[in-house]
Amino acid sequence: MDESTAFSSCNLLRFSEPDETWLDYVYMNRTGTYSGKPYELIYGPVADDDVYETFMLYATGTLTREETLKRLKIKRLFNQLVFSSEWAISFLKFTQILQED
Protein backbone atom coordinates (compact mmCIF):
# COMPACT_ATOMS: atom_id res chain seq x y z
CA MET A 1 0.00 0.00 0.00
CA ASP A 2 1.21 3.46 -0.77
CA GLU A 3 0.54 5.03 2.64
CA SER A 4 1.00 8.63 1.57
CA THR A 5 -1.59 8.27 -1.21
CA ALA A 6 -4.04 6.33 0.94
CA PHE A 7 -3.66 8.64 3.93
CA SER A 8 -4.19 11.75 1.82
CA SER A 9 -7.13 10.27 -0.12
CA CYS A 10 -9.13 8.82 2.77
CA ASN A 11 -10.66 10.28 5.92
CA LEU A 12 -7.88 9.38 8.36
CA LEU A 13 -8.00 9.30 12.14
CA ARG A 14 -4.54 8.94 13.67
CA PHE A 15 -3.65 8.32 17.30
CA SER A 16 0.02 8.55 18.27
CA GLU A 17 -0.52 7.21 21.79
CA PRO A 18 -3.26 5.93 24.09
CA ASP A 19 -4.50 9.31 25.32
CA GLU A 20 -7.93 10.55 26.43
CA THR A 21 -9.18 11.06 22.87
CA TRP A 22 -8.10 7.51 21.94
CA LEU A 23 -9.72 6.07 25.09
CA ASP A 24 -13.02 7.84 24.36
CA TYR A 25 -13.00 6.73 20.72
CA VAL A 26 -12.25 3.09 21.53
CA TYR A 27 -14.72 3.03 24.42
CA MET A 28 -17.56 4.49 22.33
CA ASN A 29 -16.87 2.04 19.49
CA ARG A 30 -16.71 -0.92 21.87
CA THR A 31 -20.01 0.08 23.47
CA GLY A 32 -21.70 1.01 20.21
CA THR A 33 -22.25 4.63 21.25
CA TYR A 34 -19.95 6.36 18.75
CA SER A 35 -21.89 8.84 16.63
CA GLY A 36 -19.09 11.06 15.36
CA LYS A 37 -17.50 11.47 11.97
CA PRO A 38 -16.93 8.22 10.08
CA TYR A 39 -13.33 7.48 9.15
CA GLU A 40 -12.07 5.29 6.33
CA LEU A 41 -8.68 4.66 7.91
CA ILE A 42 -7.87 4.57 11.62
CA TYR A 43 -4.28 4.28 12.77
CA GLY A 44 -3.14 3.91 16.36
CA PRO A 45 -2.62 1.65 19.35
CA VAL A 46 -4.48 -1.66 19.31
CA ALA A 47 -7.15 -2.14 21.97
CA ASP A 48 -7.00 -5.92 21.81
CA ASP A 49 -7.96 -8.67 24.24
CA ASP A 50 -4.80 -8.00 26.26
CA VAL A 51 -6.23 -4.65 27.39
CA TYR A 52 -9.85 -5.83 27.59
CA GLU A 53 -9.82 -6.24 31.39
CA THR A 54 -8.63 -2.66 31.85
CA PHE A 55 -11.39 -1.43 29.52
CA MET A 56 -13.99 -3.41 31.46
CA LEU A 57 -12.83 -1.86 34.74
CA TYR A 58 -13.16 1.56 33.11
CA ALA A 59 -16.58 0.74 31.64
CA THR A 60 -17.95 -0.31 35.03
CA GLY A 61 -16.60 2.80 36.74
CA THR A 62 -14.02 0.90 38.78
CA LEU A 63 -11.19 2.86 37.19
CA THR A 64 -11.13 6.56 36.38
CA ARG A 65 -9.97 7.81 33.00
CA GLU A 66 -6.61 8.74 34.50
CA GLU A 67 -6.15 5.31 36.12
CA THR A 68 -7.15 3.56 32.91
CA LEU A 69 -4.70 5.55 30.80
CA LYS A 70 -1.93 4.99 33.33
CA ARG A 71 -2.49 1.21 33.18
CA LEU A 72 -2.66 1.19 29.38
CA LYS A 73 0.52 3.22 28.98
CA ILE A 74 2.59 0.62 30.85
CA LYS A 75 1.40 -2.15 28.52
CA ARG A 76 3.26 -2.76 25.30
CA LEU A 77 0.68 -1.62 22.77
CA PHE A 78 1.18 -2.21 19.08
CA ASN A 79 -0.19 -0.01 16.31
CA GLN A 80 -2.81 -1.14 13.86
CA LEU A 81 -4.32 0.24 10.69
CA VAL A 82 -8.06 -0.27 10.30
CA PHE A 83 -9.63 -0.17 6.84
CA SER A 84 -13.28 0.67 7.40
CA SER A 85 -14.54 1.29 3.87
CA GLU A 86 -14.38 -0.24 0.41
CA TRP A 87 -12.54 2.90 -0.72
CA ALA A 88 -9.81 2.41 1.88
CA ILE A 89 -9.46 -1.27 1.00
CA SER A 90 -8.99 -0.32 -2.65
CA PHE A 91 -5.54 1.07 -1.76
CA LEU A 92 -4.28 -2.38 -0.79
CA LYS A 93 -2.20 -4.16 -3.39
CA PHE A 94 -1.99 -7.91 -2.97
CA THR A 95 1.09 -9.74 -4.16
CA GLN A 96 2.11 -13.34 -4.04
CA ILE A 97 5.37 -14.18 -2.35
CA LEU A 98 7.05 -17.29 -3.70
CA GLN A 99 9.21 -19.24 -1.33
CA GLU A 100 12.30 -20.96 -2.58
CA ASP A 101 12.88 -24.52 -1.43
PDB file of N, CA and C in Angstrom:
ATOM      1  N   MET A   1       0.840  -1.179   0.000  1.00  0.00           N
ATOM      2  CA  MET A   1       0.000   0.000   0.000  1.00  0.00           C
ATOM      3  C   MET A   1       0.885   1.241   0.000  1.00  0.00           C
ATOM      4  N   ASP A   2       0.526   2.179  -0.772  1.00  0.00           N
ATOM      5  CA  ASP A   2       1.211   3.461  -0.774  1.00  0.00           C
ATOM      6  C   ASP A   2       0.535   4.308   0.312  1.00  0.00           C
ATOM      7  N   GLU A   3       1.144   4.339   1.497  1.00  0.00           N
ATOM      8  CA  GLU A   3       0.543   5.027   2.642  1.00  0.00           C
ATOM      9  C   GLU A   3       0.265   6.497   2.372  1.00  0.00           C
ATOM     10  N   SER A   4       1.195   7.184   1.769  1.00  0.00           N
ATOM     11  CA  SER A   4       1.002   8.628   1.570  1.00  0.00           C
ATOM     12  C   SER A   4      -0.218   8.896   0.696  1.00  0.00           C
ATOM     13  N   THR A   5      -0.414   8.094  -0.350  1.00  0.00           N
ATOM     14  CA  THR A   5      -1.587   8.267  -1.213  1.00  0.00           C
ATOM     15  C   THR A   5      -2.859   7.899  -0.466  1.00  0.00           C
ATOM     16  N   ALA A   6      -2.853   6.776   0.200  1.00  0.00           N
ATOM     17  CA  ALA A   6      -4.043   6.330   0.936  1.00  0.00           C
ATOM     18  C   ALA A   6      -4.398   7.313   2.039  1.00  0.00           C
ATOM     19  N   PHE A   7      -3.400   7.735   2.814  1.00  0.00           N
ATOM     20  CA  PHE A   7      -3.658   8.640   3.931  1.00  0.00           C
ATOM     21  C   PHE A   7      -4.173   9.998   3.463  1.00  0.00           C
ATOM     22  N   SER A   8      -3.725  10.453   2.305  1.00  0.00           N
ATOM     23  CA  SER A   8      -4.188  11.749   1.816  1.00  0.00           C
ATOM     24  C   SER A   8      -5.520  11.648   1.076  1.00  0.00           C
ATOM     25  N   SER A   9      -5.892  10.456   0.628  1.00  0.00           N
ATOM     26  CA  SER A   9      -7.129  10.270  -0.123  1.00  0.00           C
ATOM     27  C   SER A   9      -8.317   9.874   0.739  1.00  0.00           C
ATOM     28  N   CYS A  10      -8.064   9.324   1.890  1.00  0.00           N
ATOM     29  CA  CYS A  10      -9.126   8.823   2.769  1.00  0.00           C
ATOM     30  C   CYS A  10      -9.298   9.733   3.989  1.00  0.00           C
ATOM     31  N   ASN A  11     -10.460   9.628   4.622  1.00  0.00           N
ATOM     32  CA  ASN A  11     -10.655  10.279   5.922  1.00  0.00           C
ATOM     33  C   ASN A  11      -9.856   9.472   6.929  1.00  0.00           C
ATOM     34  N   LEU A  12      -8.823  10.073   7.473  1.00  0.00           N
ATOM     35  CA  LEU A  12      -7.881   9.380   8.356  1.00  0.00           C
ATOM     36  C   LEU A  12      -8.005   9.900   9.777  1.00  0.00           C
ATOM     37  N   LEU A  13      -8.075   8.974  10.724  1.00  0.00           N
ATOM     38  CA  LEU A  13      -7.999   9.304  12.139  1.00  0.00           C
ATOM     39  C   LEU A  13      -6.736   8.648  12.656  1.00  0.00           C
ATOM     40  N   ARG A  14      -5.832   9.458  13.212  1.00  0.00           N
ATOM     41  CA  ARG A  14      -4.537   8.938  13.668  1.00  0.00           C
ATOM     42  C   ARG A  14      -4.344   9.236  15.154  1.00  0.00           C
ATOM     43  N   PHE A  15      -3.980   8.190  15.876  1.00  0.00           N
ATOM     44  CA  PHE A  15      -3.645   8.322  17.295  1.00  0.00           C
ATOM     45  C   PHE A  15      -2.177   7.956  17.454  1.00  0.00           C
ATOM     46  N   SER A  16      -1.402   8.833  18.082  1.00  0.00           N
ATOM     47  CA  SER A  16       0.017   8.545  18.266  1.00  0.00           C
ATOM     48  C   SER A  16       0.288   7.814  19.580  1.00  0.00           C
ATOM     49  N   GLU A  17      -0.672   7.884  20.490  1.00  0.00           N
ATOM     50  CA  GLU A  17      -0.516   7.213  21.787  1.00  0.00           C
ATOM     51  C   GLU A  17      -1.891   6.989  22.406  1.00  0.00           C
ATOM     52  N   PRO A  18      -1.975   6.130  23.423  1.00  0.00           N
ATOM     53  CA  PRO A  18      -3.256   5.928  24.094  1.00  0.00           C
ATOM     54  C   PRO A  18      -3.555   7.088  25.049  1.00  0.00           C
ATOM     55  N   ASP A  19      -4.155   8.146  24.511  1.00  0.00           N
ATOM     56  CA  ASP A  19      -4.501   9.313  25.319  1.00  0.00           C
ATOM     57  C   ASP A  19      -6.008   9.352  25.558  1.00  0.00           C
ATOM     58  N   GLU A  20      -6.508  10.451  26.117  1.00  0.00           N
ATOM     59  CA  GLU A  20      -7.930  10.552  26.435  1.00  0.00           C
ATOM     60  C   GLU A  20      -8.816  10.481  25.193  1.00  0.00           C
ATOM     61  N   THR A  21      -8.394  11.097  24.110  1.00  0.00           N
ATOM     62  CA  THR A  21      -9.175  11.057  22.873  1.00  0.00           C
ATOM     63  C   THR A  21      -9.254   9.631  22.340  1.00  0.00           C
ATOM     64  N   TRP A  22      -8.143   8.909  22.369  1.00  0.00           N
ATOM     65  CA  TRP A  22      -8.099   7.514  21.942  1.00  0.00           C
ATOM     66  C   TRP A  22      -9.004   6.659  22.823  1.00  0.00           C
ATOM     67  N   LEU A  23      -8.901   6.849  24.146  1.00  0.00           N
ATOM     68  CA  LEU A  23      -9.720   6.075  25.087  1.00  0.00           C
ATOM     69  C   LEU A  23     -11.202   6.296  24.821  1.00  0.00           C
ATOM     70  N   ASP A  24     -11.607   7.541  24.647  1.00  0.00           N
ATOM     71  CA  ASP A  24     -13.015   7.842  24.363  1.00  0.00           C
ATOM     72  C   ASP A  24     -13.466   7.193  23.062  1.00  0.00           C
ATOM     73  N   TYR A  25     -12.641   7.280  22.030  1.00  0.00           N
ATOM     74  CA  TYR A  25     -12.997   6.727  20.722  1.00  0.00           C
ATOM     75  C   TYR A  25     -13.157   5.206  20.801  1.00  0.00           C
ATOM     76  N   VAL A  26     -12.192   4.547  21.405  1.00  0.00           N
ATOM     77  CA  VAL A  26     -12.253   3.088  21.527  1.00  0.00           C
ATOM     78  C   VAL A  26     -13.433   2.674  22.391  1.00  0.00           C
ATOM     79  N   TYR A  27     -13.608   3.364  23.506  1.00  0.00           N
ATOM     80  CA  TYR A  27     -14.717   3.033  24.419  1.00  0.00           C
ATOM     81  C   TYR A  27     -16.069   3.172  23.710  1.00  0.00           C
ATOM     82  N   MET A  28     -16.280   4.279  23.013  1.00  0.00           N
ATOM     83  CA  MET A  28     -17.562   4.488  22.329  1.00  0.00           C
ATOM     84  C   MET A  28     -17.777   3.454  21.227  1.00  0.00           C
ATOM     85  N   ASN A  29     -16.723   3.068  20.527  1.00  0.00           N
ATOM     86  CA  ASN A  29     -16.868   2.045  19.492  1.00  0.00           C
ATOM     87  C   ASN A  29     -17.137   0.671  20.095  1.00  0.00           C
ATOM     88  N   ARG A  30     -16.490   0.377  21.205  1.00  0.00           N
ATOM     89  CA  ARG A  30     -16.712  -0.920  21.868  1.00  0.00           C
ATOM     90  C   ARG A  30     -18.117  -1.024  22.457  1.00  0.00           C
ATOM     91  N   THR A  31     -18.672   0.114  22.865  1.00  0.00           N
ATOM     92  CA  THR A  31     -20.011   0.084  23.471  1.00  0.00           C
ATOM     93  C   THR A  31     -21.114   0.419  22.471  1.00  0.00           C
ATOM     94  N   GLY A  32     -20.721   0.710  21.244  1.00  0.00           N
ATOM     95  CA  GLY A  32     -21.704   1.010  20.209  1.00  0.00           C
ATOM     96  C   GLY A  32     -22.358   2.365  20.354  1.00  0.00           C
ATOM     97  N   THR A  33     -21.680   3.297  21.022  1.00  0.00           N
ATOM     98  CA  THR A  33     -22.254   4.626  21.246  1.00  0.00           C
ATOM     99  C   THR A  33     -21.578   5.723  20.428  1.00  0.00           C
ATOM    100  N   TYR A  34     -20.632   5.355  19.558  1.00  0.00           N
ATOM    101  CA  TYR A  34     -19.946   6.364  18.753  1.00  0.00           C
ATOM    102  C   TYR A  34     -20.894   6.906  17.689  1.00  0.00           C
ATOM    103  N   SER A  35     -21.023   8.218  17.634  1.00  0.00           N
ATOM    104  CA  SER A  35     -21.894   8.838  16.631  1.00  0.00           C
ATOM    105  C   SER A  35     -21.186   9.996  15.923  1.00  0.00           C
ATOM    106  N   GLY A  36     -19.869   9.989  15.980  1.00  0.00           N
ATOM    107  CA  GLY A  36     -19.093  11.061  15.360  1.00  0.00           C
ATOM    108  C   GLY A  36     -18.833  10.809  13.892  1.00  0.00           C
ATOM    109  N   LYS A  37     -17.885  11.539  13.375  1.00  0.00           N
ATOM    110  CA  LYS A  37     -17.501  11.469  11.969  1.00  0.00           C
ATOM    111  C   LYS A  37     -17.004  10.065  11.618  1.00  0.00           C
ATOM    112  N   PRO A  38     -17.463   9.517  10.496  1.00  0.00           N
ATOM    113  CA  PRO A  38     -16.928   8.215  10.075  1.00  0.00           C
ATOM    114  C   PRO A  38     -15.546   8.387   9.436  1.00  0.00           C
ATOM    115  N   TYR A  39     -14.674   7.460   9.707  1.00  0.00           N
ATOM    116  CA  TYR A  39     -13.329   7.478   9.151  1.00  0.00           C
ATOM    117  C   TYR A  39     -13.119   6.239   8.293  1.00  0.00           C
ATOM    118  N   GLU A  40     -12.357   6.409   7.218  1.00  0.00           N
ATOM    119  CA  GLU A  40     -12.072   5.289   6.325  1.00  0.00           C
ATOM    120  C   GLU A  40     -10.810   4.538   6.753  1.00  0.00           C
ATOM    121  N   LEU A  41      -9.890   5.257   7.371  1.00  0.00           N
ATOM    122  CA  LEU A  41      -8.676   4.659   7.912  1.00  0.00           C
ATOM    123  C   LEU A  41      -8.493   5.145   9.345  1.00  0.00           C
ATOM    124  N   ILE A  42      -8.148   4.219  10.229  1.00  0.00           N
ATOM    125  CA  ILE A  42      -7.875   4.572  11.620  1.00  0.00           C
ATOM    126  C   ILE A  42      -6.539   3.929  11.981  1.00  0.00           C
ATOM    127  N   TYR A  43      -5.612   4.763  12.439  1.00  0.00           N
ATOM    128  CA  TYR A  43      -4.275   4.283  12.772  1.00  0.00           C
ATOM    129  C   TYR A  43      -3.966   4.636  14.219  1.00  0.00           C
ATOM    130  N   GLY A  44      -3.524   3.641  14.976  1.00  0.00           N
ATOM    131  CA  GLY A  44      -3.142   3.914  16.357  1.00  0.00           C
ATOM    132  C   GLY A  44      -3.015   2.647  17.171  1.00  0.00           C
ATOM    133  N   PRO A  45      -2.820   2.800  18.477  1.00  0.00           N
ATOM    134  CA  PRO A  45      -2.625   1.646  19.349  1.00  0.00           C
ATOM    135  C   PRO A  45      -3.808   0.677  19.297  1.00  0.00           C
ATOM    136  N   VAL A  46      -3.481  -0.603  19.328  1.00  0.00           N
ATOM    137  CA  VAL A  46      -4.481  -1.658  19.313  1.00  0.00           C
ATOM    138  C   VAL A  46      -5.104  -1.792  20.695  1.00  0.00           C
ATOM    139  N   ALA A  47      -6.429  -1.842  20.720  1.00  0.00           N
ATOM    140  CA  ALA A  47      -7.147  -2.136  21.966  1.00  0.00           C
ATOM    141  C   ALA A  47      -7.622  -3.578  21.864  1.00  0.00           C
ATOM    142  N   ASP A  48      -6.681  -4.507  22.004  1.00  0.00           N
ATOM    143  CA  ASP A  48      -7.001  -5.917  21.807  1.00  0.00           C
ATOM    144  C   ASP A  48      -7.413  -6.599  23.110  1.00  0.00           C
ATOM    145  N   ASP A  49      -7.506  -7.911  23.076  1.00  0.00           N
ATOM    146  CA  ASP A  49      -7.958  -8.665  24.243  1.00  0.00           C
ATOM    147  C   ASP A  49      -7.026  -8.501  25.438  1.00  0.00           C
ATOM    148  N   ASP A  50      -5.769  -8.173  25.181  1.00  0.00           N
ATOM    149  CA  ASP A  50      -4.800  -7.998  26.260  1.00  0.00           C
ATOM    150  C   ASP A  50      -5.156  -6.797  27.148  1.00  0.00           C
ATOM    151  N   VAL A  51      -5.847  -5.831  26.603  1.00  0.00           N
ATOM    152  CA  VAL A  51      -6.226  -4.653  27.386  1.00  0.00           C
ATOM    153  C   VAL A  51      -7.724  -4.655  27.736  1.00  0.00           C
ATOM    154  N   TYR A  52      -8.410  -5.748  27.382  1.00  0.00           N
ATOM    155  CA  TYR A  52      -9.853  -5.829  27.590  1.00  0.00           C
ATOM    156  C   TYR A  52     -10.236  -5.679  29.066  1.00  0.00           C
ATOM    157  N   GLU A  53      -9.497  -6.318  29.951  1.00  0.00           N
ATOM    158  CA  GLU A  53      -9.815  -6.236  31.390  1.00  0.00           C
ATOM    159  C   GLU A  53      -9.756  -4.789  31.878  1.00  0.00           C
ATOM    160  N   THR A  54      -8.753  -4.068  31.452  1.00  0.00           N
ATOM    161  CA  THR A  54      -8.632  -2.659  31.846  1.00  0.00           C
ATOM    162  C   THR A  54      -9.821  -1.863  31.326  1.00  0.00           C
ATOM    163  N   PHE A  55     -10.226  -2.121  30.082  1.00  0.00           N
ATOM    164  CA  PHE A  55     -11.387  -1.435  29.520  1.00  0.00           C
ATOM    165  C   PHE A  55     -12.661  -1.764  30.299  1.00  0.00           C
ATOM    166  N   MET A  56     -12.798  -3.006  30.703  1.00  0.00           N
ATOM    167  CA  MET A  56     -13.991  -3.410  31.458  1.00  0.00           C
ATOM    168  C   MET A  56     -14.029  -2.700  32.817  1.00  0.00           C
ATOM    169  N   LEU A  57     -12.883  -2.572  33.459  1.00  0.00           N
ATOM    170  CA  LEU A  57     -12.831  -1.861  34.736  1.00  0.00           C
ATOM    171  C   LEU A  57     -13.201  -0.397  34.554  1.00  0.00           C
ATOM    172  N   TYR A  58     -12.797   0.183  33.430  1.00  0.00           N
ATOM    173  CA  TYR A  58     -13.164   1.563  33.114  1.00  0.00           C
ATOM    174  C   TYR A  58     -14.664   1.660  32.817  1.00  0.00           C
ATOM    175  N   ALA A  59     -15.170   0.723  32.038  1.00  0.00           N
ATOM    176  CA  ALA A  59     -16.580   0.735  31.638  1.00  0.00           C
ATOM    177  C   ALA A  59     -17.518   0.608  32.841  1.00  0.00           C
ATOM    178  N   THR A  60     -17.104  -0.122  33.842  1.00  0.00           N
ATOM    179  CA  THR A  60     -17.950  -0.313  35.028  1.00  0.00           C
ATOM    180  C   THR A  60     -17.750   0.775  36.077  1.00  0.00           C
ATOM    181  N   GLY A  61     -16.831   1.702  35.798  1.00  0.00           N
ATOM    182  CA  GLY A  61     -16.602   2.797  36.740  1.00  0.00           C
ATOM    183  C   GLY A  61     -15.615   2.468  37.834  1.00  0.00           C
ATOM    184  N   THR A  62     -14.997   1.294  37.766  1.00  0.00           N
ATOM    185  CA  THR A  62     -14.020   0.898  38.783  1.00  0.00           C
ATOM    186  C   THR A  62     -12.744   1.723  38.664  1.00  0.00           C
ATOM    187  N   LEU A  63     -12.365   2.023  37.421  1.00  0.00           N
ATOM    188  CA  LEU A  63     -11.191   2.863  37.186  1.00  0.00           C
ATOM    189  C   LEU A  63     -11.616   4.203  36.613  1.00  0.00           C
ATOM    190  N   THR A  64     -10.915   5.238  36.986  1.00  0.00           N
ATOM    191  CA  THR A  64     -11.130   6.557  36.380  1.00  0.00           C
ATOM    192  C   THR A  64     -10.422   6.595  35.034  1.00  0.00           C
ATOM    193  N   ARG A  65     -10.667   7.644  34.278  1.00  0.00           N
ATOM    194  CA  ARG A  65      -9.965   7.809  33.000  1.00  0.00           C
ATOM    195  C   ARG A  65      -8.459   7.846  33.221  1.00  0.00           C
ATOM    196  N   GLU A  66      -8.041   8.588  34.228  1.00  0.00           N
ATOM    197  CA  GLU A  66      -6.610   8.736  34.498  1.00  0.00           C
ATOM    198  C   GLU A  66      -5.980   7.391  34.870  1.00  0.00           C
ATOM    199  N   GLU A  67      -6.667   6.619  35.727  1.00  0.00           N
ATOM    200  CA  GLU A  67      -6.147   5.308  36.123  1.00  0.00           C
ATOM    201  C   GLU A  67      -6.091   4.356  34.926  1.00  0.00           C
ATOM    202  N   THR A  68      -7.104   4.422  34.094  1.00  0.00           N
ATOM    203  CA  THR A  68      -7.145   3.564  32.913  1.00  0.00           C
ATOM    204  C   THR A  68      -5.989   3.882  31.978  1.00  0.00           C
ATOM    205  N   LEU A  69      -5.789   5.154  31.686  1.00  0.00           N
ATOM    206  CA  LEU A  69      -4.696   5.548  30.797  1.00  0.00           C
ATOM    207  C   LEU A  69      -3.341   5.176  31.384  1.00  0.00           C
ATOM    208  N   LYS A  70      -3.190   5.343  32.684  1.00  0.00           N
ATOM    209  CA  LYS A  70      -1.930   4.991  33.335  1.00  0.00           C
ATOM    210  C   LYS A  70      -1.649   3.495  33.163  1.00  0.00           C
ATOM    211  N   ARG A  71      -2.672   2.662  33.349  1.00  0.00           N
ATOM    212  CA  ARG A  71      -2.491   1.213  33.176  1.00  0.00           C
ATOM    213  C   ARG A  71      -2.186   0.853  31.723  1.00  0.00           C
ATOM    214  N   LEU A  72      -2.863   1.518  30.792  1.00  0.00           N
ATOM    215  CA  LEU A  72      -2.661   1.195  29.385  1.00  0.00           C
ATOM    216  C   LEU A  72      -1.283   1.633  28.895  1.00  0.00           C
ATOM    217  N   LYS A  73      -0.771   2.716  29.442  1.00  0.00           N
ATOM    218  CA  LYS A  73       0.523   3.222  28.983  1.00  0.00           C
ATOM    219  C   LYS A  73       1.688   2.343  29.409  1.00  0.00           C
ATOM    220  N   ILE A  74       1.498   1.511  30.446  1.00  0.00           N
ATOM    221  CA  ILE A  74       2.592   0.620  30.849  1.00  0.00           C
ATOM    222  C   ILE A  74       2.559  -0.696  30.079  1.00  0.00           C
ATOM    223  N   LYS A  75       1.475  -0.953  29.361  1.00  0.00           N
ATOM    224  CA  LYS A  75       1.399  -2.149  28.523  1.00  0.00           C
ATOM    225  C   LYS A  75       2.114  -1.871  27.201  1.00  0.00           C
ATOM    226  N   ARG A  76       2.614  -2.906  26.608  1.00  0.00           N
ATOM    227  CA  ARG A  76       3.260  -2.755  25.296  1.00  0.00           C
ATOM    228  C   ARG A  76       2.165  -2.835  24.242  1.00  0.00           C
ATOM    229  N   LEU A  77       1.748  -1.684  23.761  1.00  0.00           N
ATOM    230  CA  LEU A  77       0.684  -1.620  22.768  1.00  0.00           C
ATOM    231  C   LEU A  77       1.285  -1.498  21.376  1.00  0.00           C
ATOM    232  N   PHE A  78       0.742  -2.256  20.461  1.00  0.00           N
ATOM    233  CA  PHE A  78       1.183  -2.210  19.076  1.00  0.00           C
ATOM    234  C   PHE A  78       0.200  -1.382  18.269  1.00  0.00           C
ATOM    235  N   ASN A  79       0.672  -0.797  17.188  1.00  0.00           N
ATOM    236  CA  ASN A  79      -0.192  -0.012  16.312  1.00  0.00           C
ATOM    237  C   ASN A  79      -0.900  -0.908  15.306  1.00  0.00           C
ATOM    238  N   GLN A  80      -2.053  -0.456  14.894  1.00  0.00           N
ATOM    239  CA  GLN A  80      -2.810  -1.143  13.855  1.00  0.00           C
ATOM    240  C   GLN A  80      -3.353  -0.117  12.877  1.00  0.00           C
ATOM    241  N   LEU A  81      -3.684  -0.592  11.701  1.00  0.00           N
ATOM    242  CA  LEU A  81      -4.317   0.238  10.692  1.00  0.00           C
ATOM    243  C   LEU A  81      -5.626  -0.439  10.329  1.00  0.00           C
ATOM    244  N   VAL A  82      -6.732   0.263  10.567  1.00  0.00           N
ATOM    245  CA  VAL A  82      -8.063  -0.271  10.297  1.00  0.00           C
ATOM    246  C   VAL A  82      -8.570   0.315   8.983  1.00  0.00           C
ATOM    247  N   PHE A  83      -9.010  -0.560   8.108  1.00  0.00           N
ATOM    248  CA  PHE A  83      -9.628  -0.170   6.839  1.00  0.00           C
ATOM    249  C   PHE A  83     -11.133  -0.331   7.031  1.00  0.00           C
ATOM    250  N   SER A  84     -11.862   0.764   7.058  1.00  0.00           N
ATOM    251  CA  SER A  84     -13.280   0.672   7.396  1.00  0.00           C
ATOM    252  C   SER A  84     -14.215   1.027   6.243  1.00  0.00           C
ATOM    253  N   SER A  85     -13.687   1.033   5.024  1.00  0.00           N
ATOM    254  CA  SER A  85     -14.537   1.291   3.866  1.00  0.00           C
ATOM    255  C   SER A  85     -13.968   0.568   2.651  1.00  0.00           C
ATOM    256  N   GLU A  86     -14.824   0.360   1.678  1.00  0.00           N
ATOM    257  CA  GLU A  86     -14.380  -0.238   0.414  1.00  0.00           C
ATOM    258  C   GLU A  86     -13.313   0.645  -0.235  1.00  0.00           C
ATOM    259  N   TRP A  87     -13.499   1.960  -0.149  1.00  0.00           N
ATOM    260  CA  TRP A  87     -12.542   2.905  -0.723  1.00  0.00           C
ATOM    261  C   TRP A  87     -11.159   2.712  -0.117  1.00  0.00           C
ATOM    262  N   ALA A  88     -11.092   2.596   1.212  1.00  0.00           N
ATOM    263  CA  ALA A  88      -9.808   2.410   1.879  1.00  0.00           C
ATOM    264  C   ALA A  88      -9.176   1.082   1.467  1.00  0.00           C
ATOM    265  N   ILE A  89      -9.975   0.043   1.381  1.00  0.00           N
ATOM    266  CA  ILE A  89      -9.464  -1.273   0.996  1.00  0.00           C
ATOM    267  C   ILE A  89      -8.904  -1.247  -0.421  1.00  0.00           C
ATOM    268  N   SER A  90      -9.454  -0.382  -1.262  1.00  0.00           N
ATOM    269  CA  SER A  90      -8.992  -0.325  -2.648  1.00  0.00           C
ATOM    270  C   SER A  90      -7.525   0.100  -2.769  1.00  0.00           C
ATOM    271  N   PHE A  91      -6.942   0.661  -1.723  1.00  0.00           N
ATOM    272  CA  PHE A  91      -5.541   1.075  -1.757  1.00  0.00           C
ATOM    273  C   PHE A  91      -4.582  -0.084  -1.474  1.00  0.00           C
ATOM    274  N   LEU A  92      -5.119  -1.218  -1.039  1.00  0.00           N
ATOM    275  CA  LEU A  92      -4.278  -2.383  -0.793  1.00  0.00           C
ATOM    276  C   LEU A  92      -3.908  -3.039  -2.118  1.00  0.00           C
ATOM    277  N   LYS A  93      -2.691  -3.442  -2.214  1.00  0.00           N
ATOM    278  CA  LYS A  93      -2.202  -4.156  -3.387  1.00  0.00           C
ATOM    279  C   LYS A  93      -1.702  -5.520  -2.917  1.00  0.00           C
ATOM    280  N   PHE A  94      -2.349  -6.558  -3.378  1.00  0.00           N
ATOM    281  CA  PHE A  94      -1.986  -7.911  -2.973  1.00  0.00           C
ATOM    282  C   PHE A  94      -0.966  -8.493  -3.935  1.00  0.00           C
ATOM    283  N   THR A  95       0.057  -9.097  -3.358  1.00  0.00           N
ATOM    284  CA  THR A  95       1.091  -9.739  -4.157  1.00  0.00           C
ATOM    285  C   THR A  95       1.333 -11.133  -3.608  1.00  0.00           C
ATOM    286  N   GLN A  96       1.811 -11.980  -4.457  1.00  0.00           N
ATOM    287  CA  GLN A  96       2.111 -13.335  -4.045  1.00  0.00           C
ATOM    288  C   GLN A  96       3.607 -13.439  -3.804  1.00  0.00           C
ATOM    289  N   ILE A  97       3.968 -13.992  -2.677  1.00  0.00           N
ATOM    290  CA  ILE A  97       5.375 -14.180  -2.353  1.00  0.00           C
ATOM    291  C   ILE A  97       5.699 -15.658  -2.565  1.00  0.00           C
ATOM    292  N   LEU A  98       6.627 -15.924  -3.429  1.00  0.00           N
ATOM    293  CA  LEU A  98       7.045 -17.295  -3.698  1.00  0.00           C
ATOM    294  C   LEU A  98       8.216 -17.646  -2.824  1.00  0.00           C
ATOM    295  N   GLN A  99       8.122 -18.779  -2.182  1.00  0.00           N
ATOM    296  CA  GLN A  99       9.213 -19.236  -1.330  1.00  0.00           C
ATOM    297  C   GLN A  99      10.090 -20.207  -2.101  1.00  0.00           C
ATOM    298  N   GLU A 100      11.363 -20.042  -1.935  1.00  0.00           N
ATOM    299  CA  GLU A 100      12.296 -20.959  -2.578  1.00  0.00           C
ATOM    300  C   GLU A 100      12.519 -22.137  -1.645  1.00  0.00           C
ATOM    301  N   ASP A 101      12.645 -23.307  -2.242  1.00  0.00           N
ATOM    302  CA  ASP A 101      12.881 -24.523  -1.433  1.00  0.00           C
ATOM    303  C   ASP A 101      14.340 -24.679  -1.088  1.00  0.00           C
TER     304      ASP A 101
END
